[in-house]
Amino acid sequence: MTVAATTLSLQSDDVDVLAGALYAWCAERNIKLRSQQGLSIASIAIDLYHAGHQTQDDLLVALHECDHH
């Protein structure tokens, strides 16, 4: 399943949380969201969201932790 298809199955508020975290993460690193790295982190963010990181701040913390591993 593609990132877009997975995202479409989420509610609007869920997408807002994911998008906010992704835009912030990419902006911090000067990465384009539509780049390979941006798409890869989007997939990771969706997995983290489904694992229980369901606020923008919590998701960003989890993304930063993944980034350091």
PDB file of N, CA and C in Angstrom:
ATOM      1  N   MET A   1       0.854  -1.190   0.000  1.00  0.00           N
ATOM      2  CA  MET A   1       0.000   0.000   0.000  1.00  0.00           C
ATOM      3  C   MET A   1       0.894   1.247   0.000  1.00  0.00           C
ATOM      4  N   THR A   2       0.547   2.229  -0.773  1.00  0.00           N
ATOM      5  CA  THR A   2       1.351   3.444  -0.853  1.00  0.00           C
ATOM      6  C   THR A   2       1.072   4.366   0.327  1.00  0.00           C
ATOM      7  N   VAL A   3       1.978   5.305   0.534  1.00  0.00           N
ATOM      8  CA  VAL A   3       1.782   6.296   1.592  1.00  0.00           C
ATOM      9  C   VAL A   3       0.474   7.040   1.366  1.00  0.00           C
ATOM     10  N   ALA A   4       0.202   7.435   0.129  1.00  0.00           N
ATOM     11  CA  ALA A   4      -1.026   8.183  -0.167  1.00  0.00           C
ATOM     12  C   ALA A   4      -2.261   7.354   0.145  1.00  0.00           C
ATOM     13  N   ALA A   5      -2.255   6.088  -0.220  1.00  0.00           N
ATOM     14  CA  ALA A   5      -3.416   5.234   0.045  1.00  0.00           C
ATOM     15  C   ALA A   5      -3.614   5.040   1.538  1.00  0.00           C
ATOM     16  N   THR A   6      -2.517   4.870   2.268  1.00  0.00           N
ATOM     17  CA  THR A   6      -2.613   4.719   3.716  1.00  0.00           C
ATOM     18  C   THR A   6      -3.139   5.994   4.346  1.00  0.00           C
ATOM     19  N   THR A   7      -2.633   7.133   3.910  1.00  0.00           N
ATOM     20  CA  THR A   7      -3.059   8.409   4.462  1.00  0.00           C
ATOM     21  C   THR A   7      -4.535   8.659   4.187  1.00  0.00           C
ATOM     22  N   LEU A   8      -5.019   8.252   3.031  1.00  0.00           N
ATOM     23  CA  LEU A   8      -6.416   8.479   2.687  1.00  0.00           C
ATOM     24  C   LEU A   8      -7.369   7.721   3.598  1.00  0.00           C
ATOM     25  N   SER A   9      -6.899   6.653   4.216  1.00  0.00           N
ATOM     26  CA  SER A   9      -7.758   5.886   5.111  1.00  0.00           C
ATOM     27  C   SER A   9      -7.840   6.514   6.503  1.00  0.00           C
ATOM     28  N   LEU A  10      -7.113   7.582   6.729  1.00  0.00           N
ATOM     29  CA  LEU A  10      -7.120   8.275   8.011  1.00  0.00           C
ATOM     30  C   LEU A  10      -8.180   9.375   8.013  1.00  0.00           C
ATOM     31  N   GLN A  11      -8.552   9.821   9.201  1.00  0.00           N
ATOM     32  CA  GLN A  11      -9.491  10.928   9.344  1.00  0.00           C
ATOM     33  C   GLN A  11      -8.766  12.252   9.085  1.00  0.00           C
ATOM     34  N   SER A  12      -9.512  13.301   8.827  1.00  0.00           N
ATOM     35  CA  SER A  12      -8.944  14.615   8.530  1.00  0.00           C
ATOM     36  C   SER A  12      -8.026  15.112   9.647  1.00  0.00           C
ATOM     37  N   ASP A  13      -8.449  14.965  10.902  1.00  0.00           N
ATOM     38  CA  ASP A  13      -7.614  15.406  12.023  1.00  0.00           C
ATOM     39  C   ASP A  13      -6.315  14.611  12.081  1.00  0.00           C
ATOM     40  N   ASP A  14      -6.388  13.322  11.752  1.00  0.00           N
ATOM     41  CA  ASP A  14      -5.194  12.482  11.738  1.00  0.00           C
ATOM     42  C   ASP A  14      -4.204  12.988  10.693  1.00  0.00           C
ATOM     43  N   VAL A  15      -4.729  13.317   9.532  1.00  0.00           N
ATOM     44  CA  VAL A  15      -3.885  13.812   8.448  1.00  0.00           C
ATOM     45  C   VAL A  15      -3.242  15.137   8.851  1.00  0.00           C
ATOM     46  N   ASP A  16      -3.982  15.999   9.532  1.00  0.00           N
ATOM     47  CA  ASP A  16      -3.431  17.275   9.999  1.00  0.00           C
ATOM     48  C   ASP A  16      -2.257  17.053  10.944  1.00  0.00           C
ATOM     49  N   VAL A  17      -2.400  16.104  11.863  1.00  0.00           N
ATOM     50  CA  VAL A  17      -1.318  15.790  12.810  1.00  0.00           C
ATOM     51  C   VAL A  17      -0.102  15.278  12.047  1.00  0.00           C
ATOM     52  N   LEU A  18      -0.320  14.325  11.166  1.00  0.00           N
ATOM     53  CA  LEU A  18       0.782  13.758  10.385  1.00  0.00           C
ATOM     54  C   LEU A  18       1.449  14.810   9.503  1.00  0.00           C
ATOM     55  N   ALA A  19       0.648  15.597   8.808  1.00  0.00           N
ATOM     56  CA  ALA A  19       1.202  16.616   7.913  1.00  0.00           C
ATOM     57  C   ALA A  19       2.000  17.651   8.694  1.00  0.00           C
ATOM     58  N   GLY A  20       1.470  18.095   9.819  1.00  0.00           N
ATOM     59  CA  GLY A  20       2.180  19.080  10.633  1.00  0.00           C
ATOM     60  C   GLY A  20       3.528  18.568  11.095  1.00  0.00           C
ATOM     61  N   ALA A  21       3.555  17.329  11.567  1.00  0.00           N
ATOM     62  CA  ALA A  21       4.814  16.739  12.030  1.00  0.00           C
ATOM     63  C   ALA A  21       5.788  16.559  10.867  1.00  0.00           C
ATOM     64  N   LEU A  22       5.285  16.094   9.741  1.00  0.00           N
ATOM     65  CA  LEU A  22       6.156  15.886   8.578  1.00  0.00           C
ATOM     66  C   LEU A  22       6.727  17.195   8.055  1.00  0.00           C
ATOM     67  N   TYR A  23       5.881  18.214   7.929  1.00  0.00           N
ATOM     68  CA  TYR A  23       6.372  19.514   7.459  1.00  0.00           C
ATOM     69  C   TYR A  23       7.424  20.069   8.410  1.00  0.00           C
ATOM     70  N   ALA A  24       7.189  19.954   9.713  1.00  0.00           N
ATOM     71  CA  ALA A  24       8.151  20.453  10.697  1.00  0.00           C
ATOM     72  C   ALA A  24       9.463  19.678  10.607  1.00  0.00           C
ATOM     73  N   TRP A  25       9.382  18.354  10.546  1.00  0.00           N
ATOM     74  CA  TRP A  25      10.577  17.514  10.490  1.00  0.00           C
ATOM     75  C   TRP A  25      11.394  17.832   9.240  1.00  0.00           C
ATOM     76  N   CYS A  26      10.711  17.914   8.099  1.00  0.00           N
ATOM     77  CA  CYS A  26      11.404  18.208   6.843  1.00  0.00           C
ATOM     78  C   CYS A  26      11.992  19.623   6.837  1.00  0.00           C
ATOM     79  N   ALA A  27      11.267  20.588   7.389  1.00  0.00           N
ATOM     80  CA  ALA A  27      11.764  21.968   7.433  1.00  0.00           C
ATOM     81  C   ALA A  27      13.014  22.073   8.298  1.00  0.00           C
ATOM     82  N   GLU A  28      13.036  21.355   9.417  1.00  0.00           N
ATOM     83  CA  GLU A  28      14.211  21.372  10.299  1.00  0.00           C
ATOM     84  C   GLU A  28      15.454  20.876   9.571  1.00  0.00           C
ATOM     85  N   ARG A  29      15.275  19.980   8.618  1.00  0.00           N
ATOM     86  CA  ARG A  29      16.393  19.350   7.921  1.00  0.00           C
ATOM     87  C   ARG A  29      16.564  19.844   6.484  1.00  0.00           C
ATOM     88  N   ASN A  30      15.747  20.810   6.102  1.00  0.00           N
ATOM     89  CA  ASN A  30      15.778  21.345   4.737  1.00  0.00           C
ATOM     90  C   ASN A  30      15.635  20.224   3.698  1.00  0.00           C
ATOM     91  N   ILE A  31      14.640  19.360   3.948  1.00  0.00           N
ATOM     92  CA  ILE A  31      14.352  18.234   3.060  1.00  0.00           C
ATOM     93  C   ILE A  31      12.999  18.477   2.401  1.00  0.00           C
ATOM     94  N   LYS A  32      12.918  18.225   1.113  1.00  0.00           N
ATOM     95  CA  LYS A  32      11.637  18.348   0.415  1.00  0.00           C
ATOM     96  C   LYS A  32      10.779  17.136   0.752  1.00  0.00           C
ATOM     97  N   LEU A  33       9.521  17.389   1.092  1.00  0.00           N
ATOM     98  CA  LEU A  33       8.613  16.311   1.477  1.00  0.00           C
ATOM     99  C   LEU A  33       8.455  15.282   0.357  1.00  0.00           C
ATOM    100  N   ARG A  34       8.506  15.728  -0.885  1.00  0.00           N
ATOM    101  CA  ARG A  34       8.321  14.802  -2.011  1.00  0.00           C
ATOM    102  C   ARG A  34       9.618  14.140  -2.464  1.00  0.00           C
ATOM    103  N   SER A  35      10.706  14.351  -1.736  1.00  0.00           N
ATOM    104  CA  SER A  35      11.954  13.661  -2.044  1.00  0.00           C
ATOM    105  C   SER A  35      11.869  12.227  -1.525  1.00  0.00           C
ATOM    106  N   GLN A  36      12.839  11.406  -1.892  1.00  0.00           N
ATOM    107  CA  GLN A  36      12.853  10.019  -1.413  1.00  0.00           C
ATOM    108  C   GLN A  36      12.926   9.984   0.111  1.00  0.00           C
ATOM    109  N   GLN A  37      13.758  10.843   0.697  1.00  0.00           N
ATOM    110  CA  GLN A  37      13.872  10.878   2.160  1.00  0.00           C
ATOM    111  C   GLN A  37      12.576  11.370   2.799  1.00  0.00           C
ATOM    112  N   GLY A  38      11.941  12.344   2.197  1.00  0.00           N
ATOM    113  CA  GLY A  38      10.669  12.845   2.715  1.00  0.00           C
ATOM    114  C   GLY A  38       9.580  11.788   2.675  1.00  0.00           C
ATOM    115  N   LEU A  39       9.501  11.044   1.568  1.00  0.00           N
ATOM    116  CA  LEU A  39       8.511   9.973   1.453  1.00  0.00           C
ATOM    117  C   LEU A  39       8.804   8.843   2.430  1.00  0.00           C
ATOM    118  N   SER A  40      10.070   8.568   2.635  1.00  0.00           N
ATOM    119  CA  SER A  40      10.453   7.520   3.581  1.00  0.00           C
ATOM    120  C   SER A  40      10.031   7.890   5.001  1.00  0.00           C
ATOM    121  N   ILE A  41      10.267   9.145   5.398  1.00  0.00           N
ATOM    122  CA  ILE A  41       9.890   9.560   6.747  1.00  0.00           C
ATOM    123  C   ILE A  41       8.372   9.635   6.875  1.00  0.00           C
ATOM    124  N   ALA A  42       7.671   9.923   5.789  1.00  0.00           N
ATOM    125  CA  ALA A  42       6.202   9.922   5.831  1.00  0.00           C
ATOM    126  C   ALA A  42       5.684   8.527   6.158  1.00  0.00           C
ATOM    127  N   SER A  43       6.277   7.525   5.553  1.00  0.00           N
ATOM    128  CA  SER A  43       5.886   6.146   5.827  1.00  0.00           C
ATOM    129  C   SER A  43       6.168   5.783   7.284  1.00  0.00           C
ATOM    130  N   ILE A  44       7.323   6.189   7.787  1.00  0.00           N
ATOM    131  CA  ILE A  44       7.676   5.940   9.188  1.00  0.00           C
ATOM    132  C   ILE A  44       6.705   6.670  10.109  1.00  0.00           C
ATOM    133  N   ALA A  45       6.365   7.908   9.760  1.00  0.00           N
ATOM    134  CA  ALA A  45       5.443   8.698  10.586  1.00  0.00           C
ATOM    135  C   ALA A  45       4.075   8.031  10.680  1.00  0.00           C
ATOM    136  N   ILE A  46       3.601   7.476   9.579  1.00  0.00           N
ATOM    137  CA  ILE A  46       2.307   6.780   9.595  1.00  0.00           C
ATOM    138  C   ILE A  46       2.377   5.572  10.521  1.00  0.00           C
ATOM    139  N   ASP A  47       3.472   4.819  10.429  1.00  0.00           N
ATOM    140  CA  ASP A  47       3.639   3.666  11.321  1.00  0.00           C
ATOM    141  C   ASP A  47       3.678   4.102  12.781  1.00  0.00           C
ATOM    142  N   LEU A  48       4.407   5.177  13.071  1.00  0.00           N
ATOM    143  CA  LEU A  48       4.488   5.685  14.446  1.00  0.00           C
ATOM    144  C   LEU A  48       3.126   6.168  14.933  1.00  0.00           C
ATOM    145  N   TYR A  49       2.379   6.804  14.048  1.00  0.00           N
ATOM    146  CA  TYR A  49       1.044   7.278  14.400  1.00  0.00           C
ATOM    147  C   TYR A  49       0.154   6.103  14.798  1.00  0.00           C
ATOM    148  N   HIS A  50       0.182   5.063  14.001  1.00  0.00           N
ATOM    149  CA  HIS A  50      -0.628   3.876  14.302  1.00  0.00           C
ATOM    150  C   HIS A  50      -0.126   3.149  15.547  1.00  0.00           C
ATOM    151  N   ALA A  51       1.140   3.366  15.909  1.00  0.00           N
ATOM    152  CA  ALA A  51       1.709   2.750  17.113  1.00  0.00           C
ATOM    153  C   ALA A  51       1.357   3.536  18.374  1.00  0.00           C
ATOM    154  N   GLY A  52       0.667   4.678  18.219  1.00  0.00           N
ATOM    155  CA  GLY A  52       0.196   5.405  19.389  1.00  0.00           C
ATOM    156  C   GLY A  52       0.706   6.822  19.555  1.00  0.00           C
ATOM    157  N   HIS A  53       1.576   7.278  18.673  1.00  0.00           N
ATOM    158  CA  HIS A  53       2.091   8.654  18.739  1.00  0.00           C
ATOM    159  C   HIS A  53       1.119   9.541  17.967  1.00  0.00           C
ATOM    160  N   GLN A  54       0.039   9.986  18.634  1.00  0.00           N
ATOM    161  CA  GLN A  54      -1.069  10.598  17.906  1.00  0.00           C
ATOM    162  C   GLN A  54      -1.250  12.093  18.112  1.00  0.00           C
ATOM    163  N   THR A  55      -0.231  12.758  18.650  1.00  0.00           N
ATOM    164  CA  THR A  55      -0.229  14.222  18.643  1.00  0.00           C
ATOM    165  C   THR A  55       0.983  14.666  17.832  1.00  0.00           C
ATOM    166  N   GLN A  56       0.936  15.879  17.330  1.00  0.00           N
ATOM    167  CA  GLN A  56       2.052  16.366  16.519  1.00  0.00           C
ATOM    168  C   GLN A  56       3.349  16.372  17.319  1.00  0.00           C
ATOM    169  N   ASP A  57       3.301  16.834  18.566  1.00  0.00           N
ATOM    170  CA  ASP A  57       4.516  16.882  19.385  1.00  0.00           C
ATOM    171  C   ASP A  57       5.060  15.488  19.662  1.00  0.00           C
ATOM    172  N   ASP A  58       4.175  14.560  20.019  1.00  0.00           N
ATOM    173  CA  ASP A  58       4.597  13.192  20.308  1.00  0.00           C
ATOM    174  C   ASP A  58       5.179  12.532  19.058  1.00  0.00           C
ATOM    175  N   LEU A  59       4.571  12.799  17.933  1.00  0.00           N
ATOM    176  CA  LEU A  59       5.053  12.240  16.678  1.00  0.00           C
ATOM    177  C   LEU A  59       6.426  12.806  16.316  1.00  0.00           C
ATOM    178  N   LEU A  60       6.619  14.097  16.522  1.00  0.00           N
ATOM    179  CA  LEU A  60       7.930  14.705  16.251  1.00  0.00           C
ATOM    180  C   LEU A  60       9.013  14.122  17.146  1.00  0.00           C
ATOM    181  N   VAL A  61       8.699  13.923  18.422  1.00  0.00           N
ATOM    182  CA  VAL A  61       9.668  13.314  19.344  1.00  0.00           C
ATOM    183  C   VAL A  61      10.041  11.919  18.846  1.00  0.00           C
ATOM    184  N   ALA A  62       9.044  11.139  18.466  1.00  0.00           N
ATOM    185  CA  ALA A  62       9.293   9.782  17.973  1.00  0.00           C
ATOM    186  C   ALA A  62      10.109   9.801  16.676  1.00  0.00           C
ATOM    187  N   LEU A  63       9.826  10.746  15.793  1.00  0.00           N
ATOM    188  CA  LEU A  63      10.600  10.863  14.555  1.00  0.00           C
ATOM    189  C   LEU A  63      12.050  11.226  14.854  1.00  0.00           C
ATOM    190  N   HIS A  64      12.256  12.124  15.804  1.00  0.00           N
ATOM    191  CA  HIS A  64      13.619  12.496  16.186  1.00  0.00           C
ATOM    192  C   HIS A  64      14.354  11.299  16.773  1.00  0.00           C
ATOM    193  N   GLU A  65      13.653  10.483  17.561  1.00  0.00           N
ATOM    194  CA  GLU A  65      14.278   9.291  18.131  1.00  0.00           C
ATOM    195  C   GLU A  65      14.662   8.310  17.026  1.00  0.00           C
ATOM    196  N   CYS A  66      13.821   8.154  16.023  1.00  0.00           N
ATOM    197  CA  CYS A  66      14.141   7.280  14.886  1.00  0.00           C
ATOM    198  C   CYS A  66      15.337   7.819  14.113  1.00  0.00           C
ATOM    199  N   ASP A  67      15.416   9.123  14.016  1.00  0.00           N
ATOM    200  CA  ASP A  67      16.485   9.788  13.277  1.00  0.00           C
ATOM    201  C   ASP A  67      17.844   9.547  13.926  1.00  0.00           C
ATOM    202  N   HIS A  68      17.870   9.356  15.225  1.00  0.00           N
ATOM    203  CA  HIS A  68      19.130   9.178  15.949  1.00  0.00           C
ATOM    204  C   HIS A  68      19.561   7.724  16.044  1.00  0.00           C
ATOM    205  N   HIS A  69      18.777   6.808  15.496  1.00  0.00           N
ATOM    206  CA  HIS A  69      19.144   5.386  15.544  1.00  0.00           C
ATOM    207  C   HIS A  69      19.806   4.956  14.269  1.00  0.00           C
TER     208      HIS A  69
END
